[in-house]
Amino acid sequence: MAAPGALNSLADVAGLSVGCAGDERVLTGVTVIVPDERAVCGVDVRGGGPGTRETDALAPENLVDAIDALVLSGGSVYGLAAADGVVAEMGAAGRGFGLVDLPGVPRSPVVPAAILYDLANGGDKAWGDGPPYAALGRSAYAARARAVPLGNAGAGLGAKAGALKGGQGSASIVGADGVTVAALACVNCWGSPTMPNNRAFWAHPFEIGAEFGAVKPSADARFDAEDWGGAKFNAAPRANTTIACVATDVALTPAEAKRVAQMASAGFARAIRPVFAPFDGDVVFALSTACKTPAEPRALSIARIGALAADCLARAVARGVYEARSVGAHQAWRDLP
């Protein structure tokens, strides 16, 4: 049977490392996902208020067919600068895209990014003309390893999930044939990850073992269709977003990676209610490290990977909230009565 990988995280996908950096005073952070070799990437943008960088370059009809790294960041528009730090480090190491190698001409690292809004979370944002994100991007890149910290880490450090403290979550699944699919999510959603008046996660049907508490809804649980429970009902524009990466070791084309990203977005809908609101910036990237080529028919393989990615993403969202710790007035799930 399929089961989580050894780490139950994005790091179970061969050829990927993850680095995280954060500033507890500012209450913000950055997550950097780095493939060992340039990797095919697709993207699906579902939220109504996204903040992204280089997503247009990922369209299958465009020139760039692979990326060098991926950045998820707090900080709203300021956080997009985290990719500048990663680009500088990678460029200095000679990594990146080059149509033609010319003496003295640096390669151009392709580093798409997405951001979430954590500017109003109580951290000290009085940075004047010196936001910390380029430096945090460099630090996260330098910290990359075959591991994924959960909860108050990376871009999830200052996140809030509905009425609860949000965080960074990850999950994986390995098929009987060794195919690996995994997800990482930084959860700052407007909607609620838990059922109204209940500690049970919406994602509970997809939980494996007790990876996010094994709390089931009561047998008589009922709710009004317009009861949004622990959502941020008085939402501020751009104050919400869940940004994520799903990945597989199966070789994908750019068009196939986009289809996987589109299918994976269903994981958000399984774990958050409401989702994809006008003021959410929900984005899912899909990466392929191309370590395996399955024997099954191509279209069937893509359908399978997309379905597994959606399940992993739902689990990753719940794990991010489950592993978070309370910060100030932002109460964590584990501290609920």
Protein backbone atom coordinates (compact mmCIF):
# COMPACT_ATOMS: atom_id res chain seq x y z
CA MET A 1 0.00 0.00 0.00
CA ALA A 2 1.00 3.62 -0.46
CA ALA A 3 2.41 5.24 2.68
CA PRO A 4 4.15 8.47 3.69
CA GLY A 5 7.85 8.71 2.96
CA ALA A 6 10.49 8.45 5.67
CA LEU A 7 10.25 12.18 6.46
CA ASN A 8 6.57 12.69 5.52
CA SER A 9 7.60 15.90 3.80
CA LEU A 10 8.64 17.49 0.53
CA ALA A 11 12.19 16.35 1.29
CA ASP A 12 11.11 12.77 0.50
CA VAL A 13 11.19 13.69 -3.20
CA ALA A 14 14.64 12.77 -4.48
CA GLY A 15 16.62 15.74 -5.75
CA LEU A 16 15.03 18.45 -3.58
CA SER A 17 16.33 20.41 -0.61
CA VAL A 18 14.50 23.01 1.47
CA GLY A 19 15.88 26.00 3.34
CA CYS A 20 14.05 28.22 5.82
CA ALA A 21 14.91 31.51 7.50
CA GLY A 22 12.90 33.74 9.77
CA ASP A 23 12.99 36.85 11.94
CA GLU A 24 11.12 36.41 15.23
CA ARG A 25 11.12 40.16 15.90
CA VAL A 26 9.63 41.03 12.54
CA LEU A 27 7.54 37.82 12.72
CA THR A 28 8.09 36.81 9.12
CA GLY A 29 10.10 34.32 7.12
CA VAL A 30 11.11 32.74 3.84
CA THR A 31 11.13 29.20 2.46
CA VAL A 32 13.36 28.25 -0.48
CA ILE A 33 12.96 25.00 -2.43
CA VAL A 34 16.02 24.05 -4.47
CA PRO A 35 16.31 21.16 -6.94
CA ASP A 36 19.73 19.58 -7.39
CA GLU A 37 19.34 20.14 -11.14
CA ARG A 38 17.10 22.56 -13.01
CA ALA A 39 13.54 21.24 -12.67
CA VAL A 40 10.36 21.47 -14.71
CA CYS A 41 7.75 23.58 -12.93
CA GLY A 42 4.10 24.47 -13.46
CA VAL A 43 1.84 26.85 -11.53
CA ASP A 44 -1.84 27.28 -10.75
CA VAL A 45 -3.08 30.62 -9.37
CA ARG A 46 -6.56 30.35 -7.84
CA GLY A 47 -6.74 33.15 -5.28
CA GLY A 48 -8.22 36.52 -6.20
CA GLY A 49 -5.36 38.58 -4.73
CA PRO A 50 -2.09 36.84 -5.65
CA GLY A 51 1.42 38.19 -5.37
CA THR A 52 3.86 36.36 -7.63
CA ARG A 53 7.11 36.63 -9.57
CA GLU A 54 8.05 34.92 -12.86
CA THR A 55 4.89 32.82 -13.06
CA ASP A 56 4.34 33.94 -16.67
CA ALA A 57 7.70 32.39 -17.56
CA LEU A 58 6.30 28.98 -16.58
CA ALA A 59 3.66 28.90 -19.31
CA PRO A 60 4.31 25.78 -21.44
CA GLU A 61 4.52 27.81 -24.66
CA ASN A 62 7.26 30.10 -23.35
CA LEU A 63 11.05 29.77 -23.59
CA VAL A 64 11.97 28.72 -20.05
CA ASP A 65 11.27 25.04 -19.49
CA ALA A 66 12.81 24.61 -16.03
CA ILE A 67 13.58 26.58 -12.88
CA ASP A 68 16.57 26.85 -10.57
CA ALA A 69 14.75 27.44 -7.28
CA LEU A 70 11.36 28.37 -5.87
CA VAL A 71 10.66 30.96 -3.15
CA LEU A 72 7.70 31.20 -0.78
CA SER A 73 7.77 34.29 1.43
CA GLY A 74 5.94 36.35 3.96
CA GLY A 75 5.95 40.12 3.65
CA SER A 76 3.39 40.74 0.91
CA VAL A 77 4.97 42.74 -1.95
CA TYR A 78 8.15 43.27 0.09
CA GLY A 79 8.60 39.52 0.30
CA LEU A 80 9.08 39.18 -3.45
CA ALA A 81 12.58 40.57 -2.86
CA ALA A 82 13.49 37.28 -1.17
CA ALA A 83 13.95 35.86 -4.65
CA ASP A 84 16.55 38.58 -5.34
CA GLY A 85 18.74 37.16 -2.60
CA VAL A 86 18.39 33.64 -3.97
CA VAL A 87 19.11 34.79 -7.54
CA ALA A 88 22.26 36.59 -6.38
CA GLU A 89 23.57 33.51 -4.58
CA MET A 90 22.79 31.13 -7.42
CA GLY A 91 24.15 33.46 -10.07
CA ALA A 92 27.41 33.83 -8.17
CA ALA A 93 27.66 30.02 -8.17
CA GLY A 94 27.17 29.90 -11.94
CA ARG A 95 23.69 28.38 -11.81
CA GLY A 96 20.88 29.55 -14.06
CA PHE A 97 19.56 29.73 -17.60
CA GLY A 98 21.73 30.77 -20.50
CA LEU A 99 20.62 30.54 -24.11
CA VAL A 100 24.24 30.91 -25.23
CA ASP A 101 27.31 30.85 -22.98
CA LEU A 102 29.29 34.05 -23.49
CA PRO A 103 32.49 35.07 -21.66
CA GLY A 104 31.77 37.56 -18.88
CA VAL A 105 28.00 37.20 -19.18
CA PRO A 106 26.38 35.70 -16.05
CA ARG A 107 23.71 33.06 -16.29
CA SER A 108 20.18 34.03 -15.27
CA PRO A 109 18.72 31.95 -12.41
CA VAL A 110 14.99 31.37 -12.88
CA VAL A 111 13.42 31.70 -9.43
CA PRO A 112 9.63 32.05 -9.35
CA ALA A 113 8.11 33.25 -6.09
CA ALA A 114 4.82 33.74 -4.30
CA ILE A 115 4.05 35.73 -1.17
CA LEU A 116 1.56 35.80 1.67
CA TYR A 117 0.44 38.80 3.72
CA ASP A 118 1.78 38.91 7.29
CA LEU A 119 2.38 42.66 7.62
CA ALA A 120 -0.34 43.16 10.27
CA ASN A 121 0.54 40.22 12.54
CA GLY A 122 2.08 42.29 15.34
CA GLY A 123 5.74 41.94 14.36
CA ASP A 124 8.01 44.97 14.06
CA LYS A 125 7.67 46.07 10.44
CA ALA A 126 9.28 49.49 10.92
CA TRP A 127 12.08 48.66 8.51
CA GLY A 128 12.03 51.98 6.64
CA ASP A 129 13.74 51.56 3.28
CA GLY A 130 15.46 48.32 4.28
CA PRO A 131 13.00 45.38 4.27
CA PRO A 132 14.72 42.15 5.39
CA TYR A 133 13.57 39.84 2.63
CA ALA A 134 16.56 39.75 0.28
CA ALA A 135 18.76 38.88 3.27
CA LEU A 136 16.24 36.28 4.47
CA GLY A 137 16.25 34.76 0.98
CA ARG A 138 20.04 34.43 1.10
CA SER A 139 19.86 32.89 4.58
CA ALA A 140 17.17 30.41 3.58
CA TYR A 141 19.15 29.38 0.51
CA ALA A 142 22.27 28.85 2.64
CA ALA A 143 20.24 26.75 5.13
CA ARG A 144 18.89 24.31 2.54
CA ALA A 145 18.89 20.70 3.66
CA ARG A 146 17.04 17.40 3.17
CA ALA A 147 14.51 18.33 5.85
CA VAL A 148 11.42 20.51 6.27
CA PRO A 149 10.73 22.28 9.59
CA LEU A 150 7.03 22.48 10.43
CA GLY A 151 4.81 25.00 12.20
CA ASN A 152 6.34 28.40 12.95
CA ALA A 153 9.00 28.14 10.26
CA GLY A 154 9.91 29.68 6.93
CA ALA A 155 7.15 31.60 5.21
CA GLY A 156 4.72 30.19 7.78
CA LEU A 157 6.45 31.90 10.72
CA GLY A 158 4.06 34.84 10.88
CA ALA A 159 1.07 33.21 9.21
CA LYS A 160 -2.46 33.03 10.56
CA ALA A 161 -4.97 30.40 9.42
CA GLY A 162 -8.45 31.77 9.88
CA ALA A 163 -8.73 32.49 13.60
CA LEU A 164 -5.81 30.21 14.45
CA LYS A 165 -2.03 30.54 14.22
CA GLY A 166 -0.97 29.28 10.81
CA GLY A 167 2.29 27.73 9.82
CA GLN A 168 4.32 25.63 7.43
CA GLY A 169 3.18 22.07 6.81
CA SER A 170 4.36 19.24 4.61
CA ALA A 171 3.35 15.68 3.73
CA SER A 172 4.31 12.93 1.30
CA ILE A 173 3.13 9.64 -0.15
CA VAL A 174 5.14 6.84 -1.76
CA GLY A 175 3.38 4.39 -4.05
CA ALA A 176 3.98 0.65 -4.15
CA ASP A 177 6.09 1.25 -7.29
CA GLY A 178 8.28 3.80 -5.49
CA VAL A 179 6.76 6.90 -7.12
CA THR A 180 6.89 9.77 -4.62
CA VAL A 181 4.55 12.75 -4.43
CA ALA A 182 4.75 15.41 -1.72
CA ALA A 183 3.54 18.87 -0.76
CA LEU A 184 4.65 21.87 1.29
CA ALA A 185 2.21 24.62 2.27
CA CYS A 186 2.54 27.92 4.11
CA VAL A 187 -0.92 28.44 5.55
CA ASN A 188 -2.21 32.01 5.99
CA CYS A 189 -5.75 31.41 4.77
CA TRP A 190 -8.83 33.56 5.24
CA GLY A 191 -11.01 30.48 5.60
CA SER A 192 -10.89 28.04 8.47
CA PRO A 193 -8.87 24.81 8.49
CA THR A 194 -11.17 23.38 11.18
CA MET A 195 -14.88 22.58 11.29
CA PRO A 196 -17.21 25.08 13.03
CA ASN A 197 -17.19 24.68 16.82
CA ASN A 198 -14.95 21.66 16.46
CA ARG A 199 -11.23 20.87 16.75
CA ALA A 200 -11.48 18.48 13.79
CA PHE A 201 -9.66 19.54 10.63
CA TRP A 202 -11.58 19.66 7.37
CA ALA A 203 -8.76 17.50 6.00
CA HIS A 204 -9.42 14.73 8.54
CA PRO A 205 -10.58 12.13 5.96
CA PHE A 206 -7.14 12.31 4.34
CA GLU A 207 -5.09 12.00 7.53
CA ILE A 208 -2.61 9.13 7.71
CA GLY A 209 -2.04 7.88 11.24
CA ALA A 210 -2.12 10.75 13.70
CA GLU A 211 -0.06 13.21 11.66
CA PHE A 212 -2.35 16.08 12.68
CA GLY A 213 -3.94 14.86 15.85
CA ALA A 214 -6.39 12.17 14.68
CA VAL A 215 -9.34 14.30 15.84
CA LYS A 216 -12.60 13.26 14.18
CA PRO A 217 -15.82 15.31 14.16
CA SER A 218 -18.49 14.13 16.57
CA ALA A 219 -21.12 11.78 15.12
CA ASP A 220 -23.86 14.40 15.50
CA ALA A 221 -21.83 17.29 14.05
CA ARG A 222 -24.00 19.64 12.00
CA PHE A 223 -23.37 23.10 10.69
CA ASP A 224 -25.08 25.87 8.77
CA ALA A 225 -23.92 26.27 5.17
CA GLU A 226 -23.12 29.90 6.00
CA ASP A 227 -21.39 29.14 9.27
CA TRP A 228 -17.75 29.69 8.39
CA GLY A 229 -16.58 28.85 11.88
CA GLY A 230 -13.01 29.98 12.49
CA ALA A 231 -12.59 32.04 9.32
CA LYS A 232 -11.27 35.62 9.31
CA PHE A 233 -14.76 36.96 8.70
CA ASN A 234 -13.70 40.61 8.63
CA ALA A 235 -11.00 40.01 6.10
CA ALA A 236 -8.68 42.74 4.91
CA PRO A 237 -7.74 42.79 1.22
CA ARG A 238 -4.53 40.82 0.53
CA ALA A 239 -4.33 39.81 4.20
CA ASN A 240 -4.63 36.14 3.39
CA THR A 241 -3.11 33.43 1.23
CA THR A 242 -1.97 29.85 1.23
CA ILE A 243 1.07 29.30 -0.97
CA ALA A 244 2.34 25.83 -1.75
CA CYS A 245 4.58 23.55 -3.75
CA VAL A 246 3.79 19.98 -4.74
CA ALA A 247 6.53 17.81 -6.17
CA THR A 248 7.18 14.41 -7.66
CA ASP A 249 10.18 12.40 -8.76
CA VAL A 250 8.33 11.45 -11.98
CA ALA A 251 9.48 13.17 -15.17
CA LEU A 252 6.91 15.76 -16.35
CA THR A 253 6.71 18.17 -19.26
CA PRO A 254 5.85 21.82 -18.51
CA ALA A 255 2.26 21.24 -19.68
CA GLU A 256 1.95 18.15 -17.47
CA ALA A 257 3.36 20.03 -14.48
CA LYS A 258 0.72 22.70 -14.96
CA ARG A 259 -2.02 20.04 -15.01
CA VAL A 260 -0.64 18.54 -11.80
CA ALA A 261 -0.64 22.00 -10.17
CA GLN A 262 -4.26 22.51 -11.24
CA MET A 263 -5.30 19.14 -9.82
CA ALA A 264 -3.34 19.74 -6.63
CA SER A 265 -5.27 22.95 -5.91
CA ALA A 266 -8.20 20.71 -4.99
CA GLY A 267 -6.25 19.97 -1.82
CA PHE A 268 -6.85 23.53 -0.67
CA ALA A 269 -10.60 23.04 -1.09
CA ARG A 270 -10.44 19.85 1.00
CA ALA A 271 -8.61 21.55 3.86
CA ILE A 272 -9.87 25.15 4.01
CA ARG A 273 -13.38 26.64 4.03
CA PRO A 274 -14.04 29.06 2.35
CA VAL A 275 -11.17 29.00 -0.12
CA PHE A 276 -10.03 30.91 -3.24
CA ALA A 277 -11.75 34.08 -2.00
CA PRO A 278 -11.28 37.45 -3.75
CA PHE A 279 -8.80 38.45 -1.06
CA ASP A 280 -6.84 35.17 -0.94
CA GLY A 281 -3.69 34.86 -3.03
CA ASP A 282 -3.66 31.06 -3.23
CA VAL A 283 -0.93 29.68 -5.50
CA VAL A 284 0.32 26.12 -6.11
CA PHE A 285 3.59 25.31 -7.88
CA ALA A 286 4.29 21.79 -9.17
CA LEU A 287 7.89 20.55 -9.49
CA SER A 288 9.35 17.49 -11.19
CA THR A 289 12.83 16.20 -10.39
CA ALA A 290 12.55 13.66 -13.23
CA CYS A 291 14.18 10.77 -11.37
CA LYS A 292 11.60 8.18 -12.51
CA THR A 293 9.55 7.26 -15.56
CA PRO A 294 6.55 5.10 -14.60
CA ALA A 295 5.52 2.14 -16.74
CA GLU A 296 1.81 3.09 -16.79
CA PRO A 297 0.26 5.07 -19.68
CA ARG A 298 1.28 8.72 -19.63
CA ALA A 299 -2.15 10.29 -19.11
CA LEU A 300 -2.96 7.83 -16.35
CA SER A 301 0.32 8.66 -14.62
CA ILE A 302 -0.47 12.39 -14.66
CA ALA A 303 -3.96 11.75 -13.28
CA ARG A 304 -2.52 9.62 -10.51
CA ILE A 305 0.18 12.15 -9.57
CA GLY A 306 -2.31 15.02 -9.56
CA ALA A 307 -4.73 13.12 -7.33
CA LEU A 308 -1.98 12.17 -4.88
CA ALA A 309 -0.69 15.75 -4.89
CA ALA A 310 -4.13 17.07 -3.90
CA ASP A 311 -4.32 14.60 -1.01
CA CYS A 312 -0.81 15.51 0.15
CA LEU A 313 -1.59 19.21 -0.05
CA ALA A 314 -4.71 18.82 2.12
CA ARG A 315 -2.61 16.95 4.70
CA ALA A 316 0.17 19.56 4.50
CA VAL A 317 -2.28 22.38 5.23
CA ALA A 318 -3.59 20.61 8.33
CA ARG A 319 -0.09 19.71 9.50
CA GLY A 320 1.02 23.34 9.20
CA VAL A 321 -1.75 24.45 11.56
CA TYR A 322 -1.40 21.43 13.84
CA GLU A 323 2.35 22.02 14.32
CA ALA A 324 2.09 25.80 14.84
CA ARG A 325 2.75 27.41 18.22
CA SER A 326 0.84 30.33 19.74
CA VAL A 327 2.39 33.78 19.23
CA GLY A 328 0.92 36.64 21.22
CA ALA A 329 -2.78 36.86 20.49
CA HIS A 330 -2.50 34.29 17.70
CA GLN A 331 -3.71 31.09 19.37
CA ALA A 332 -2.44 27.77 18.08
CA TRP A 333 -4.68 24.77 17.44
CA ARG A 334 -2.86 22.80 20.14
CA ASP A 335 -3.87 25.44 22.73
CA LEU A 336 -7.58 25.29 21.95
CA PRO A 337 -9.72 24.14 24.89
